Amino acid sequence: MELHQHVKTATQGVFEALDTSPSEEQAKAVSAIIQEAVIKAVQESRSTFVDVARECCSADRDLAHKITEEIRLANIALIANLSSLR
């Protein structure tokens, strides 16, 4: 499932839990809040993964840099994908 679909599903779940039908502005606001939460969680996870990569690959700095770069690129792609939802 693509990320924008996760955000959409979460937004729908929020309004279903509240047993209400949102206006378009409310749905966009809740989607933006969920999107920001996902971005923050991904950034925190990325930091953790980078730290782990550095620790486990300290003997092989080149490999650690390659892994870090791949994580960075995946993070950029994720944020671009989420930002396109706005």
PDB file of N, CA and C in Angstrom:
ATOM      1  N   MET A   1       0.845  -1.173   0.000  1.00  0.00           N
ATOM      2  CA  MET A   1       0.000   0.000   0.000  1.00  0.00           C
ATOM      3  C   MET A   1       0.895   1.242   0.000  1.00  0.00           C
ATOM      4  N   GLU A   2       0.545   2.222  -0.820  1.00  0.00           N
ATOM      5  CA  GLU A   2       1.326   3.447  -0.888  1.00  0.00           C
ATOM      6  C   GLU A   2       1.057   4.317   0.333  1.00  0.00           C
ATOM      7  N   LEU A   3       1.993   5.205   0.614  1.00  0.00           N
ATOM      8  CA  LEU A   3       1.896   6.019   1.809  1.00  0.00           C
ATOM      9  C   LEU A   3       0.671   6.922   1.827  1.00  0.00           C
ATOM     10  N   HIS A   4       0.358   7.514   0.679  1.00  0.00           N
ATOM     11  CA  HIS A   4      -0.818   8.395   0.680  1.00  0.00           C
ATOM     12  C   HIS A   4      -2.081   7.609   0.996  1.00  0.00           C
ATOM     13  N   GLN A   5      -2.104   6.338   0.633  1.00  0.00           N
ATOM     14  CA  GLN A   5      -3.260   5.501   0.955  1.00  0.00           C
ATOM     15  C   GLN A   5      -3.325   5.241   2.462  1.00  0.00           C
ATOM     16  N   HIS A   6      -2.166   5.058   3.104  1.00  0.00           N
ATOM     17  CA  HIS A   6      -2.142   4.888   4.563  1.00  0.00           C
ATOM     18  C   HIS A   6      -2.688   6.133   5.254  1.00  0.00           C
ATOM     19  N   VAL A   7      -2.268   7.300   4.785  1.00  0.00           N
ATOM     20  CA  VAL A   7      -2.742   8.557   5.372  1.00  0.00           C
ATOM     21  C   VAL A   7      -4.250   8.685   5.166  1.00  0.00           C
ATOM     22  N   LYS A   8      -4.714   8.374   3.978  1.00  0.00           N
ATOM     23  CA  LYS A   8      -6.150   8.453   3.684  1.00  0.00           C
ATOM     24  C   LYS A   8      -6.937   7.496   4.573  1.00  0.00           C
ATOM     25  N   THR A   9      -6.426   6.266   4.724  1.00  0.00           N
ATOM     26  CA  THR A   9      -7.092   5.268   5.564  1.00  0.00           C
ATOM     27  C   THR A   9      -7.128   5.721   7.018  1.00  0.00           C
ATOM     28  N   ALA A  10      -6.021   6.278   7.493  1.00  0.00           N
ATOM     29  CA  ALA A  10      -5.972   6.768   8.869  1.00  0.00           C
ATOM     30  C   ALA A  10      -6.953   7.919   9.072  1.00  0.00           C
ATOM     31  N   THR A  11      -7.025   8.813   8.107  1.00  0.00           N
ATOM     32  CA  THR A  11      -7.955   9.945   8.189  1.00  0.00           C
ATOM     33  C   THR A  11      -9.397   9.446   8.252  1.00  0.00           C
ATOM     34  N   GLN A  12      -9.721   8.504   7.385  1.00  0.00           N
ATOM     35  CA  GLN A  12     -11.072   7.940   7.398  1.00  0.00           C
ATOM     36  C   GLN A  12     -11.351   7.257   8.740  1.00  0.00           C
ATOM     37  N   GLY A  13     -10.354   6.557   9.256  1.00  0.00           N
ATOM     38  CA  GLY A  13     -10.509   5.879  10.546  1.00  0.00           C
ATOM     39  C   GLY A  13     -10.776   6.847  11.686  1.00  0.00           C
ATOM     40  N   VAL A  14     -10.120   7.993  11.652  1.00  0.00           N
ATOM     41  CA  VAL A  14     -10.339   9.007  12.687  1.00  0.00           C
ATOM     42  C   VAL A  14     -11.789   9.468  12.665  1.00  0.00           C
ATOM     43  N   PHE A  15     -12.287   9.785  11.482  1.00  0.00           N
ATOM     44  CA  PHE A  15     -13.663  10.286  11.399  1.00  0.00           C
ATOM     45  C   PHE A  15     -14.696   9.186  11.656  1.00  0.00           C
ATOM     46  N   GLU A  16     -14.368   7.949  11.296  1.00  0.00           N
ATOM     47  CA  GLU A  16     -15.275   6.843  11.632  1.00  0.00           C
ATOM     48  C   GLU A  16     -15.327   6.644  13.142  1.00  0.00           C
ATOM     49  N   ALA A  17     -14.168   6.754  13.801  1.00  0.00           N
ATOM     50  CA  ALA A  17     -14.130   6.600  15.249  1.00  0.00           C
ATOM     51  C   ALA A  17     -14.926   7.703  15.946  1.00  0.00           C
ATOM     52  N   LEU A  18     -14.926   8.885  15.341  1.00  0.00           N
ATOM     53  CA  LEU A  18     -15.691  10.003  15.888  1.00  0.00           C
ATOM     54  C   LEU A  18     -17.144   9.981  15.433  1.00  0.00           C
ATOM     55  N   ASP A  19     -17.462   9.049  14.544  1.00  0.00           N
ATOM     56  CA  ASP A  19     -18.810   8.898  13.998  1.00  0.00           C
ATOM     57  C   ASP A  19     -19.325  10.210  13.409  1.00  0.00           C
ATOM     58  N   THR A  20     -18.487  10.783  12.525  1.00  0.00           N
ATOM     59  CA  THR A  20     -18.843  12.051  11.899  1.00  0.00           C
ATOM     60  C   THR A  20     -18.364  12.082  10.456  1.00  0.00           C
ATOM     61  N   SER A  21     -19.006  12.902   9.663  1.00  0.00           N
ATOM     62  CA  SER A  21     -18.581  13.108   8.283  1.00  0.00           C
ATOM     63  C   SER A  21     -17.857  14.452   8.210  1.00  0.00           C
ATOM     64  N   PRO A  22     -16.592  14.435   7.793  1.00  0.00           N
ATOM     65  CA  PRO A  22     -15.829  15.677   7.788  1.00  0.00           C
ATOM     66  C   PRO A  22     -16.132  16.538   6.569  1.00  0.00           C
ATOM     67  N   SER A  23     -15.913  17.830   6.745  1.00  0.00           N
ATOM     68  CA  SER A  23     -15.924  18.706   5.582  1.00  0.00           C
ATOM     69  C   SER A  23     -14.607  18.477   4.853  1.00  0.00           C
ATOM     70  N   GLU A  24     -14.504  18.988   3.665  1.00  0.00           N
ATOM     71  CA  GLU A  24     -13.260  18.818   2.901  1.00  0.00           C
ATOM     72  C   GLU A  24     -12.087  19.459   3.641  1.00  0.00           C
ATOM     73  N   GLU A  25     -12.314  20.623   4.255  1.00  0.00           N
ATOM     74  CA  GLU A  25     -11.250  21.303   4.991  1.00  0.00           C
ATOM     75  C   GLU A  25     -10.818  20.490   6.211  1.00  0.00           C
ATOM     76  N   GLN A  26     -11.783  19.894   6.915  1.00  0.00           N
ATOM     77  CA  GLN A  26     -11.446  19.075   8.077  1.00  0.00           C
ATOM     78  C   GLN A  26     -10.636  17.847   7.664  1.00  0.00           C
ATOM     79  N   ALA A  27     -11.061  17.213   6.588  1.00  0.00           N
ATOM     80  CA  ALA A  27     -10.334  16.032   6.105  1.00  0.00           C
ATOM     81  C   ALA A  27      -8.909  16.400   5.721  1.00  0.00           C
ATOM     82  N   LYS A  28      -8.729  17.539   5.062  1.00  0.00           N
ATOM     83  CA  LYS A  28      -7.380  17.978   4.688  1.00  0.00           C
ATOM     84  C   LYS A  28      -6.546  18.296   5.919  1.00  0.00           C
ATOM     85  N   ALA A  29      -7.143  18.933   6.920  1.00  0.00           N
ATOM     86  CA  ALA A  29      -6.414  19.284   8.140  1.00  0.00           C
ATOM     87  C   ALA A  29      -5.960  18.035   8.888  1.00  0.00           C
ATOM     88  N   VAL A  30      -6.874  17.068   9.018  1.00  0.00           N
ATOM     89  CA  VAL A  30      -6.515  15.826   9.714  1.00  0.00           C
ATOM     90  C   VAL A  30      -5.456  15.062   8.916  1.00  0.00           C
ATOM     91  N   SER A  31      -5.586  15.032   7.594  1.00  0.00           N
ATOM     92  CA  SER A  31      -4.582  14.373   6.756  1.00  0.00           C
ATOM     93  C   SER A  31      -3.213  15.022   6.937  1.00  0.00           C
ATOM     94  N   ALA A  32      -3.194  16.345   7.014  1.00  0.00           N
ATOM     95  CA  ALA A  32      -1.924  17.053   7.199  1.00  0.00           C
ATOM     96  C   ALA A  32      -1.300  16.713   8.548  1.00  0.00           C
ATOM     97  N   ILE A  33      -2.120  16.622   9.581  1.00  0.00           N
ATOM     98  CA  ILE A  33      -1.610  16.272  10.911  1.00  0.00           C
ATOM     99  C   ILE A  33      -1.028  14.855  10.898  1.00  0.00           C
ATOM    100  N   ILE A  34      -1.753  13.929  10.298  1.00  0.00           N
ATOM    101  CA  ILE A  34      -1.278  12.543  10.214  1.00  0.00           C
ATOM    102  C   ILE A  34       0.009  12.484   9.387  1.00  0.00           C
ATOM    103  N   GLN A  35       0.030  13.213   8.288  1.00  0.00           N
ATOM    104  CA  GLN A  35       1.216  13.244   7.429  1.00  0.00           C
ATOM    105  C   GLN A  35       2.431  13.751   8.196  1.00  0.00           C
ATOM    106  N   GLU A  36       2.268  14.816   8.952  1.00  0.00           N
ATOM    107  CA  GLU A  36       3.376  15.361   9.737  1.00  0.00           C
ATOM    108  C   GLU A  36       3.860  14.351  10.771  1.00  0.00           C
ATOM    109  N   ALA A  37       2.915  13.648  11.395  1.00  0.00           N
ATOM    110  CA  ALA A  37       3.285  12.629  12.380  1.00  0.00           C
ATOM    111  C   ALA A  37       4.086  11.505  11.729  1.00  0.00           C
ATOM    112  N   VAL A  38       3.678  11.098  10.540  1.00  0.00           N
ATOM    113  CA  VAL A  38       4.396  10.046   9.818  1.00  0.00           C
ATOM    114  C   VAL A  38       5.799  10.523   9.443  1.00  0.00           C
ATOM    115  N   ILE A  39       5.905  11.753   8.969  1.00  0.00           N
ATOM    116  CA  ILE A  39       7.217  12.300   8.593  1.00  0.00           C
ATOM    117  C   ILE A  39       8.142  12.331   9.803  1.00  0.00           C
ATOM    118  N   LYS A  40       7.634  12.800  10.942  1.00  0.00           N
ATOM    119  CA  LYS A  40       8.459  12.849  12.155  1.00  0.00           C
ATOM    120  C   LYS A  40       8.896  11.456  12.585  1.00  0.00           C
ATOM    121  N   ALA A  41       7.974  10.499  12.511  1.00  0.00           N
ATOM    122  CA  ALA A  41       8.303   9.122  12.895  1.00  0.00           C
ATOM    123  C   ALA A  41       9.369   8.539  11.971  1.00  0.00           C
ATOM    124  N   VAL A  42       9.243   8.826  10.681  1.00  0.00           N
ATOM    125  CA  VAL A  42      10.231   8.325   9.717  1.00  0.00           C
ATOM    126  C   VAL A  42      11.587   8.961   9.976  1.00  0.00           C
ATOM    127  N   GLN A  43      11.605  10.246  10.259  1.00  0.00           N
ATOM    128  CA  GLN A  43      12.879  10.916  10.521  1.00  0.00           C
ATOM    129  C   GLN A  43      13.542  10.377  11.778  1.00  0.00           C
ATOM    130  N   GLU A  44      12.747  10.127  12.823  1.00  0.00           N
ATOM    131  CA  GLU A  44      13.304   9.549  14.045  1.00  0.00           C
ATOM    132  C   GLU A  44      13.830   8.141  13.781  1.00  0.00           C
ATOM    133  N   SER A  45      13.078   7.359  13.024  1.00  0.00           N
ATOM    134  CA  SER A  45      13.524   6.003  12.684  1.00  0.00           C
ATOM    135  C   SER A  45      14.795   6.050  11.862  1.00  0.00           C
ATOM    136  N   ARG A  46      14.840   6.980  10.927  1.00  0.00           N
ATOM    137  CA  ARG A  46      16.022   7.132  10.084  1.00  0.00           C
ATOM    138  C   ARG A  46      17.251   7.406  10.943  1.00  0.00           C
ATOM    139  N   SER A  47      17.120   8.293  11.914  1.00  0.00           N
ATOM    140  CA  SER A  47      18.246   8.601  12.794  1.00  0.00           C
ATOM    141  C   SER A  47      18.717   7.357  13.535  1.00  0.00           C
ATOM    142  N   THR A  48      17.748   6.577  14.008  1.00  0.00           N
ATOM    143  CA  THR A  48      18.097   5.340  14.706  1.00  0.00           C
ATOM    144  C   THR A  48      18.809   4.373  13.773  1.00  0.00           C
ATOM    145  N   PHE A  49      18.301   4.218  12.549  1.00  0.00           N
ATOM    146  CA  PHE A  49      18.902   3.298  11.589  1.00  0.00           C
ATOM    147  C   PHE A  49      20.307   3.733  11.205  1.00  0.00           C
ATOM    148  N   VAL A  50      20.503   5.030  11.048  1.00  0.00           N
ATOM    149  CA  VAL A  50      21.827   5.544  10.701  1.00  0.00           C
ATOM    150  C   VAL A  50      22.800   5.251  11.832  1.00  0.00           C
ATOM    151  N   ASP A  51      22.369   5.482  13.063  1.00  0.00           N
ATOM    152  CA  ASP A  51      23.235   5.200  14.213  1.00  0.00           C
ATOM    153  C   ASP A  51      23.608   3.718  14.268  1.00  0.00           C
ATOM    154  N   VAL A  52      22.626   2.861  14.035  1.00  0.00           N
ATOM    155  CA  VAL A  52      22.881   1.416  14.049  1.00  0.00           C
ATOM    156  C   VAL A  52      23.841   1.041  12.920  1.00  0.00           C
ATOM    157  N   ALA A  53      23.635   1.599  11.753  1.00  0.00           N
ATOM    158  CA  ALA A  53      24.522   1.305  10.621  1.00  0.00           C
ATOM    159  C   ALA A  53      25.948   1.728  10.932  1.00  0.00           C
ATOM    160  N   ARG A  54      26.094   2.873  11.547  1.00  0.00           N
ATOM    161  CA  ARG A  54      27.442   3.349  11.896  1.00  0.00           C
ATOM    162  C   ARG A  54      28.093   2.440  12.927  1.00  0.00           C
ATOM    163  N   GLU A  55      27.302   1.999  13.910  1.00  0.00           N
ATOM    164  CA  GLU A  55      27.857   1.142  14.956  1.00  0.00           C
ATOM    165  C   GLU A  55      28.235  -0.233  14.414  1.00  0.00           C
ATOM    166  N   CYS A  56      27.357  -0.844  13.658  1.00  0.00           N
ATOM    167  CA  CYS A  56      27.616  -2.213  13.200  1.00  0.00           C
ATOM    168  C   CYS A  56      28.678  -2.250  12.110  1.00  0.00           C
ATOM    169  N   CYS A  57      28.872  -1.175  11.426  1.00  0.00           N
ATOM    170  CA  CYS A  57      29.818  -1.154  10.309  1.00  0.00           C
ATOM    171  C   CYS A  57      31.010  -0.243  10.578  1.00  0.00           C
ATOM    172  N   SER A  58      31.319  -0.029  11.838  1.00  0.00           N
ATOM    173  CA  SER A  58      32.396   0.904  12.148  1.00  0.00           C
ATOM    174  C   SER A  58      33.727   0.475  11.537  1.00  0.00           C
ATOM    175  N   ALA A  59      33.934  -0.821  11.403  1.00  0.00           N
ATOM    176  CA  ALA A  59      35.181  -1.302  10.801  1.00  0.00           C
ATOM    177  C   ALA A  59      35.194  -1.058   9.296  1.00  0.00           C
ATOM    178  N   ASP A  60      34.036  -0.994   8.714  1.00  0.00           N
ATOM    179  CA  ASP A  60      33.938  -0.791   7.272  1.00  0.00           C
ATOM    180  C   ASP A  60      33.158   0.492   7.002  1.00  0.00           C
ATOM    181  N   ARG A  61      33.836   1.611   7.104  1.00  0.00           N
ATOM    182  CA  ARG A  61      33.194   2.923   6.951  1.00  0.00           C
ATOM    183  C   ARG A  61      32.534   3.077   5.580  1.00  0.00           C
ATOM    184  N   ASP A  62      33.127   2.508   4.552  1.00  0.00           N
ATOM    185  CA  ASP A  62      32.551   2.641   3.210  1.00  0.00           C
ATOM    186  C   ASP A  62      31.155   2.018   3.161  1.00  0.00           C
ATOM    187  N   LEU A  63      31.018   0.840   3.727  1.00  0.00           N
ATOM    188  CA  LEU A  63      29.719   0.182   3.760  1.00  0.00           C
ATOM    189  C   LEU A  63      28.730   0.993   4.588  1.00  0.00           C
ATOM    190  N   ALA A  64      29.170   1.523   5.707  1.00  0.00           N
ATOM    191  CA  ALA A  64      28.297   2.334   6.552  1.00  0.00           C
ATOM    192  C   ALA A  64      27.816   3.568   5.792  1.00  0.00           C
ATOM    193  N   HIS A  65      28.707   4.186   5.028  1.00  0.00           N
ATOM    194  CA  HIS A  65      28.312   5.364   4.252  1.00  0.00           C
ATOM    195  C   HIS A  65      27.315   4.989   3.156  1.00  0.00           C
ATOM    196  N   LYS A  66      27.513   3.836   2.537  1.00  0.00           N
ATOM    197  CA  LYS A  66      26.585   3.392   1.500  1.00  0.00           C
ATOM    198  C   LYS A  66      25.198   3.136   2.090  1.00  0.00           C
ATOM    199  N   ILE A  67      25.150   2.472   3.236  1.00  0.00           N
ATOM    200  CA  ILE A  67      23.875   2.193   3.883  1.00  0.00           C
ATOM    201  C   ILE A  67      23.211   3.498   4.304  1.00  0.00           C
ATOM    202  N   THR A  68      23.979   4.395   4.879  1.00  0.00           N
ATOM    203  CA  THR A  68      23.453   5.696   5.301  1.00  0.00           C
ATOM    204  C   THR A  68      22.890   6.459   4.114  1.00  0.00           C
ATOM    205  N   GLU A  69      23.590   6.437   3.001  1.00  0.00           N
ATOM    206  CA  GLU A  69      23.134   7.138   1.803  1.00  0.00           C
ATOM    207  C   GLU A  69      21.835   6.534   1.285  1.00  0.00           C
ATOM    208  N   GLU A  70      21.717   5.218   1.288  1.00  0.00           N
ATOM    209  CA  GLU A  70      20.486   4.563   0.849  1.00  0.00           C
ATOM    210  C   GLU A  70      19.318   4.945   1.757  1.00  0.00           C
ATOM    211  N   ILE A  71      19.558   4.994   3.053  1.00  0.00           N
ATOM    212  CA  ILE A  71      18.511   5.396   3.997  1.00  0.00           C
ATOM    213  C   ILE A  71      18.119   6.840   3.740  1.00  0.00           C
ATOM    214  N   ARG A  72      19.093   7.707   3.498  1.00  0.00           N
ATOM    215  CA  ARG A  72      18.827   9.123   3.246  1.00  0.00           C
ATOM    216  C   ARG A  72      17.973   9.291   1.986  1.00  0.00           C
ATOM    217  N   LEU A  73      18.325   8.562   0.922  1.00  0.00           N
ATOM    218  CA  LEU A  73      17.570   8.653  -0.328  1.00  0.00           C
ATOM    219  C   LEU A  73      16.143   8.136  -0.160  1.00  0.00           C
ATOM    220  N   ALA A  74      15.981   7.049   0.578  1.00  0.00           N
ATOM    221  CA  ALA A  74      14.641   6.515   0.830  1.00  0.00           C
ATOM    222  C   ALA A  74      13.817   7.516   1.637  1.00  0.00           C
ATOM    223  N   ASN A  75      14.463   8.189   2.588  1.00  0.00           N
ATOM    224  CA  ASN A  75      13.783   9.193   3.402  1.00  0.00           C
ATOM    225  C   ASN A  75      13.330  10.366   2.539  1.00  0.00           C
ATOM    226  N   ILE A  76      14.178  10.823   1.636  1.00  0.00           N
ATOM    227  CA  ILE A  76      13.830  11.920   0.735  1.00  0.00           C
ATOM    228  C   ILE A  76      12.638  11.529  -0.137  1.00  0.00           C
ATOM    229  N   ALA A  77      12.661  10.310  -0.652  1.00  0.00           N
ATOM    230  CA  ALA A  77      11.560   9.840  -1.491  1.00  0.00           C
ATOM    231  C   ALA A  77      10.260   9.774  -0.694  1.00  0.00           C
ATOM    232  N   LEU A  78      10.338   9.311   0.541  1.00  0.00           N
ATOM    233  CA  LEU A  78       9.154   9.214   1.385  1.00  0.00           C
ATOM    234  C   LEU A  78       8.571  10.599   1.657  1.00  0.00           C
ATOM    235  N   ILE A  79       9.414  11.536   2.025  1.00  0.00           N
ATOM    236  CA  ILE A  79       8.935  12.881   2.326  1.00  0.00           C
ATOM    237  C   ILE A  79       8.355  13.534   1.076  1.00  0.00           C
ATOM    238  N   ALA A  80       8.976  13.318  -0.069  1.00  0.00           N
ATOM    239  CA  ALA A  80       8.433  13.865  -1.320  1.00  0.00           C
ATOM    240  C   ALA A  80       7.065  13.264  -1.608  1.00  0.00           C
ATOM    241  N   ASN A  81       6.934  11.969  -1.374  1.00  0.00           N
ATOM    242  CA  ASN A  81       5.662  11.286  -1.600  1.00  0.00           C
ATOM    243  C   ASN A  81       4.595  11.852  -0.673  1.00  0.00           C
ATOM    244  N   LEU A  82       4.934  12.007   0.599  1.00  0.00           N
ATOM    245  CA  LEU A  82       3.959  12.534   1.560  1.00  0.00           C
ATOM    246  C   LEU A  82       3.632  14.001   1.269  1.00  0.00           C
ATOM    247  N   SER A  83       4.629  14.762   0.872  1.00  0.00           N
ATOM    248  CA  SER A  83       4.411  16.176   0.587  1.00  0.00           C
ATOM    249  C   SER A  83       3.501  16.372  -0.620  1.00  0.00           C
ATOM    250  N   SER A  84       3.523  15.423  -1.531  1.00  0.00           N
ATOM    251  CA  SER A  84       2.665  15.534  -2.711  1.00  0.00           C
ATOM    252  C   SER A  84       1.182  15.379  -2.364  1.00  0.00           C
ATOM    253  N   LEU A  85       0.893  14.912  -1.159  1.00  0.00           N
ATOM    254  CA  LEU A  85      -0.491  14.748  -0.720  1.00  0.00           C
ATOM    255  C   LEU A  85      -1.149  16.083  -0.436  1.00  0.00           C
ATOM    256  N   ARG A  86      -0.349  17.086  -0.179  1.00  0.00           N
ATOM    257  CA  ARG A  86      -0.912  18.394   0.221  1.00  0.00           C
ATOM    258  C   ARG A  86      -1.650  19.043  -0.892  1.00  0.00           C
TER     259      ARG A  86
END
